[in-house]
N, C-alpha and C. Protein backbone atom coordinates (compact mmCIF):
# COMPACT_ATOMS: atom_id res chain seq x y z
N UNK A 1 145.09 97.76 -114.72
CA UNK A 1 143.77 98.14 -115.32
C UNK A 1 142.88 96.95 -114.84
N UNK A 2 141.56 97.22 -114.58
CA UNK A 2 140.48 96.05 -114.28
C UNK A 2 140.30 95.60 -115.88
N UNK A 3 140.21 94.52 -115.48
CA UNK A 3 139.97 93.61 -116.90
C UNK A 3 138.23 92.93 -116.74
N UNK A 4 137.53 92.68 -115.68
CA UNK A 4 136.21 92.36 -115.60
C UNK A 4 135.41 93.45 -115.08
N UNK A 5 134.25 93.07 -115.51
CA UNK A 5 132.82 94.24 -115.41
C UNK A 5 133.20 94.15 -113.66
N UNK A 6 133.05 93.41 -113.17
CA UNK A 6 133.16 93.50 -111.68
C UNK A 6 134.36 94.36 -111.36
N UNK A 7 135.21 94.32 -111.85
CA UNK A 7 136.56 94.94 -111.16
C UNK A 7 136.50 96.24 -111.53
N UNK A 8 135.82 96.72 -112.73
CA UNK A 8 135.61 97.72 -113.39
C UNK A 8 134.65 98.65 -112.33
N UNK A 9 133.78 97.89 -111.78
CA UNK A 9 132.74 98.49 -111.11
C UNK A 9 133.26 98.88 -109.51
N UNK A 10 134.04 97.78 -109.08
CA UNK A 10 134.69 97.98 -108.13
C UNK A 10 135.64 99.25 -107.94
N UNK A 11 136.49 99.32 -109.26
CA UNK A 11 137.14 100.52 -109.17
C UNK A 11 136.45 101.94 -109.25
N UNK A 12 135.34 101.97 -109.86
CA UNK A 12 134.41 103.31 -109.61
C UNK A 12 134.05 103.47 -108.27
N UNK A 13 133.73 102.42 -107.83
CA UNK A 13 132.91 102.09 -106.34
C UNK A 13 134.13 103.11 -105.43
N UNK A 14 135.51 102.77 -105.54
CA UNK A 14 136.55 102.91 -104.83
C UNK A 14 136.64 104.40 -105.02
N UNK A 15 136.86 104.86 -106.09
CA UNK A 15 137.04 106.54 -106.50
C UNK A 15 136.09 107.25 -105.36
N UNK A 16 134.53 106.63 -105.64
CA UNK A 16 133.50 107.35 -105.14
C UNK A 16 133.62 107.53 -103.46
N UNK A 17 134.09 106.20 -103.18
CA UNK A 17 134.25 105.92 -101.68
C UNK A 17 135.55 106.99 -100.97
N UNK A 18 136.33 106.85 -101.86
CA UNK A 18 137.61 107.58 -101.42
C UNK A 18 137.44 108.89 -101.26
N UNK A 19 136.72 109.48 -102.29
CA UNK A 19 136.12 111.07 -102.23
C UNK A 19 135.43 111.34 -100.90
N UNK A 20 134.27 110.47 -100.40
CA UNK A 20 133.59 110.65 -99.68
C UNK A 20 134.23 110.50 -98.19
N UNK A 21 135.24 109.72 -97.97
CA UNK A 21 136.01 109.27 -96.84
C UNK A 21 137.03 110.61 -96.55
N UNK A 22 137.35 111.23 -97.87
CA UNK A 22 138.36 112.21 -97.76
C UNK A 22 137.82 113.72 -97.15
N UNK A 23 136.35 113.83 -97.79
CA UNK A 23 135.76 114.78 -97.16
C UNK A 23 135.27 114.74 -95.55
N UNK A 24 135.18 113.32 -95.19
CA UNK A 24 134.36 113.20 -93.92
C UNK A 24 135.94 113.47 -92.95
N UNK A 25 136.91 112.97 -93.49
CA UNK A 25 138.31 113.55 -92.85
C UNK A 25 138.66 114.77 -92.52
N UNK A 26 138.38 115.45 -93.86
CA UNK A 26 138.34 116.92 -93.77
C UNK A 26 137.66 117.72 -92.66
N UNK A 27 136.36 117.06 -92.71
CA UNK A 27 135.47 117.59 -91.59
C UNK A 27 135.88 117.26 -90.23
N UNK A 28 136.65 116.11 -89.98
CA UNK A 28 137.13 115.84 -88.68
C UNK A 28 138.27 116.81 -88.30
N UNK A 29 139.18 117.11 -89.22
CA UNK A 29 140.32 117.76 -88.91
C UNK A 29 140.04 119.43 -88.73
N UNK A 30 138.93 119.95 -89.66
CA UNK A 30 138.38 121.27 -89.27
C UNK A 30 137.69 121.27 -88.06
N UNK A 31 137.04 120.45 -87.53
CA UNK A 31 136.41 120.25 -86.23
C UNK A 31 137.44 120.38 -85.02
N UNK A 32 138.44 119.65 -85.34
CA UNK A 32 139.82 119.68 -84.20
C UNK A 32 140.41 120.88 -84.45
N UNK A 33 140.48 121.66 -85.24
CA UNK A 33 141.07 123.00 -85.56
C UNK A 33 140.19 124.23 -85.17
N UNK A 34 139.09 123.86 -85.21
CA UNK A 34 138.21 125.10 -84.57
C UNK A 34 138.41 124.91 -83.02
N UNK A 35 138.64 123.89 -82.39
CA UNK A 35 138.51 123.82 -80.78
C UNK A 35 139.87 124.35 -80.55
N UNK A 36 140.87 123.92 -81.32
CA UNK A 36 142.45 124.61 -81.12
C UNK A 36 142.56 125.81 -81.22
N UNK A 37 141.68 126.60 -82.39
CA UNK A 37 141.75 128.09 -82.07
C UNK A 37 141.35 128.88 -81.29
N UNK A 38 139.98 128.17 -80.58
CA UNK A 38 139.33 128.62 -79.46
C UNK A 38 140.42 128.68 -78.07
N UNK A 39 141.09 127.39 -78.15
CA UNK A 39 142.30 127.35 -76.96
C UNK A 39 143.15 128.43 -77.10
N UNK A 40 143.60 128.53 -78.34
CA UNK A 40 144.88 129.49 -78.75
C UNK A 40 144.39 130.99 -78.17
N UNK A 41 143.12 131.16 -78.54
CA UNK A 41 142.55 132.71 -78.09
C UNK A 41 142.51 132.68 -76.51
N UNK A 42 142.24 131.65 -75.71
CA UNK A 42 142.16 131.84 -74.39
C UNK A 42 140.57 131.86 -74.30
N UNK A 43 139.80 131.35 -74.80
CA UNK A 43 138.59 131.69 -74.48
C UNK A 43 137.75 130.17 -74.41
N UNK A 44 137.62 130.08 -73.08
CA UNK A 44 137.11 128.94 -72.50
C UNK A 44 135.90 128.39 -73.19
N UNK A 45 134.96 129.61 -72.73
CA UNK A 45 133.53 129.04 -72.95
C UNK A 45 133.22 128.65 -74.66
N UNK A 46 134.21 129.57 -75.35
CA UNK A 46 134.12 128.96 -76.92
C UNK A 46 134.68 127.88 -77.19
N UNK A 47 135.65 127.65 -76.34
CA UNK A 47 136.57 126.27 -76.49
C UNK A 47 135.70 125.09 -76.16
N UNK A 48 134.97 125.17 -75.23
CA UNK A 48 133.73 124.39 -74.66
C UNK A 48 132.92 124.10 -75.62
N UNK A 49 132.24 124.97 -76.19
CA UNK A 49 131.11 124.80 -77.08
C UNK A 49 131.66 124.14 -78.47
N UNK A 50 132.91 124.65 -78.73
CA UNK A 50 133.56 123.90 -80.13
C UNK A 50 133.99 122.29 -79.89
N UNK A 51 134.31 121.98 -78.71
CA UNK A 51 134.63 120.97 -78.35
C UNK A 51 133.43 119.89 -78.22
N UNK A 52 132.30 120.46 -77.76
CA UNK A 52 131.09 119.67 -77.80
C UNK A 52 130.63 119.31 -79.09
N UNK A 53 130.83 120.32 -80.22
CA UNK A 53 130.41 120.09 -81.61
C UNK A 53 131.70 119.11 -82.05
N UNK A 54 132.69 119.17 -81.63
CA UNK A 54 133.86 118.51 -82.28
C UNK A 54 133.52 116.96 -82.00
N UNK A 55 133.39 116.70 -80.52
CA UNK A 55 133.47 115.43 -80.16
C UNK A 55 132.24 114.54 -80.90
N UNK A 56 131.11 115.08 -81.30
CA UNK A 56 130.19 114.34 -82.23
C UNK A 56 130.84 114.11 -83.46
N UNK A 57 131.33 115.03 -84.13
CA UNK A 57 131.99 114.68 -85.40
C UNK A 57 133.03 113.49 -85.13
N UNK A 58 134.09 113.60 -84.08
CA UNK A 58 135.18 112.87 -83.91
C UNK A 58 134.50 111.45 -83.53
N UNK A 59 133.59 111.34 -83.05
CA UNK A 59 132.90 110.19 -82.73
C UNK A 59 132.41 109.47 -83.96
N UNK A 60 131.41 110.14 -84.92
CA UNK A 60 131.02 109.66 -85.99
C UNK A 60 132.11 109.37 -86.88
N UNK A 61 133.28 109.88 -87.15
CA UNK A 61 134.25 109.55 -87.96
C UNK A 61 134.95 108.22 -87.37
N UNK A 62 134.98 108.06 -85.90
CA UNK A 62 135.70 107.00 -85.69
C UNK A 62 134.45 105.71 -85.91
N UNK A 63 133.47 105.89 -85.74
CA UNK A 63 132.41 104.77 -85.69
C UNK A 63 132.40 104.26 -87.44
N UNK A 64 132.70 105.00 -88.30
CA UNK A 64 132.57 104.67 -89.68
C UNK A 64 133.84 104.13 -89.95
N UNK A 65 134.96 104.11 -88.89
CA UNK A 65 136.30 103.38 -89.34
C UNK A 65 137.20 104.24 -90.09
N UNK A 66 136.92 105.50 -90.46
CA UNK A 66 137.94 106.57 -91.16
C UNK A 66 138.96 106.82 -90.52
N UNK A 67 138.91 107.17 -89.25
CA UNK A 67 139.87 107.28 -88.21
C UNK A 67 139.81 106.22 -87.24
N UNK A 68 140.99 105.86 -86.67
CA UNK A 68 141.14 104.48 -85.45
C UNK A 68 140.29 105.14 -84.54
N UNK A 69 139.57 104.25 -83.68
CA UNK A 69 138.99 105.01 -82.61
C UNK A 69 140.18 105.17 -81.25
N UNK A 70 141.09 104.70 -81.54
CA UNK A 70 142.03 105.26 -80.47
C UNK A 70 142.81 106.55 -80.88
N UNK A 71 142.90 106.62 -81.98
CA UNK A 71 143.17 108.01 -82.43
C UNK A 71 142.01 109.30 -82.15
N UNK A 72 140.86 108.80 -82.05
CA UNK A 72 139.81 109.95 -81.98
C UNK A 72 139.90 110.09 -80.46
N UNK A 73 139.91 108.95 -79.79
CA UNK A 73 140.16 109.01 -78.30
C UNK A 73 141.14 109.72 -77.81
N UNK A 74 142.15 109.86 -78.43
CA UNK A 74 143.39 110.33 -77.95
C UNK A 74 143.17 112.14 -78.48
N UNK A 75 142.56 112.43 -79.35
CA UNK A 75 142.36 113.45 -79.82
C UNK A 75 141.44 114.23 -78.81
N UNK A 76 140.38 113.49 -78.60
CA UNK A 76 139.33 114.09 -77.64
C UNK A 76 139.94 114.29 -76.18
N UNK A 77 140.99 113.26 -75.81
CA UNK A 77 141.30 113.33 -74.57
C UNK A 77 142.30 114.68 -74.42
N UNK A 78 143.11 114.72 -75.20
CA UNK A 78 144.26 115.94 -75.43
C UNK A 78 143.29 117.35 -75.54
N UNK A 79 142.39 117.34 -76.27
CA UNK A 79 141.68 118.59 -76.43
C UNK A 79 140.84 119.11 -75.03
N UNK A 80 140.33 118.12 -74.33
CA UNK A 80 139.65 118.46 -73.25
C UNK A 80 140.80 118.69 -71.91
N UNK A 81 141.95 117.87 -72.15
CA UNK A 81 142.81 118.36 -71.02
C UNK A 81 143.35 119.86 -71.20
N UNK A 82 143.56 120.30 -72.32
CA UNK A 82 143.95 121.68 -72.77
C UNK A 82 142.94 122.75 -72.40
N UNK A 83 141.52 122.40 -72.85
CA UNK A 83 140.63 123.16 -72.34
C UNK A 83 140.55 123.32 -70.87
N UNK A 84 140.83 122.33 -70.13
CA UNK A 84 140.77 122.38 -68.57
C UNK A 84 141.97 122.99 -68.02
N UNK A 85 142.77 123.02 -68.56
CA UNK A 85 144.12 123.85 -68.30
C UNK A 85 143.95 125.19 -68.65
N UNK A 86 143.32 125.82 -69.29
CA UNK A 86 142.65 126.99 -69.43
C UNK A 86 142.54 127.62 -68.18
N UNK A 87 141.77 126.82 -67.53
CA UNK A 87 140.79 127.42 -66.11
C UNK A 87 141.64 127.69 -65.33
N UNK A 88 142.99 127.21 -65.08
CA UNK A 88 143.96 127.06 -64.39
C UNK A 88 144.86 128.09 -64.35
């Protein structure tokens, strides 16, 4: 348990920040799932549109260091490769 006023305040802030980060992580996962659903449906146009929106979300989350930049890049790369494979 926090003993000082400063430690109590930091604990309060940590709870708030954790909730905010969880919300952003959820948004990230939802964006990726949306693209995957479009890919599974075989609709390349919808997948491209969803990928464009997801890219913005993924980059934002990576910039805020909620997800590591390499993980974000890996997701974008794999999604894009899968979308391109739909055309073939």
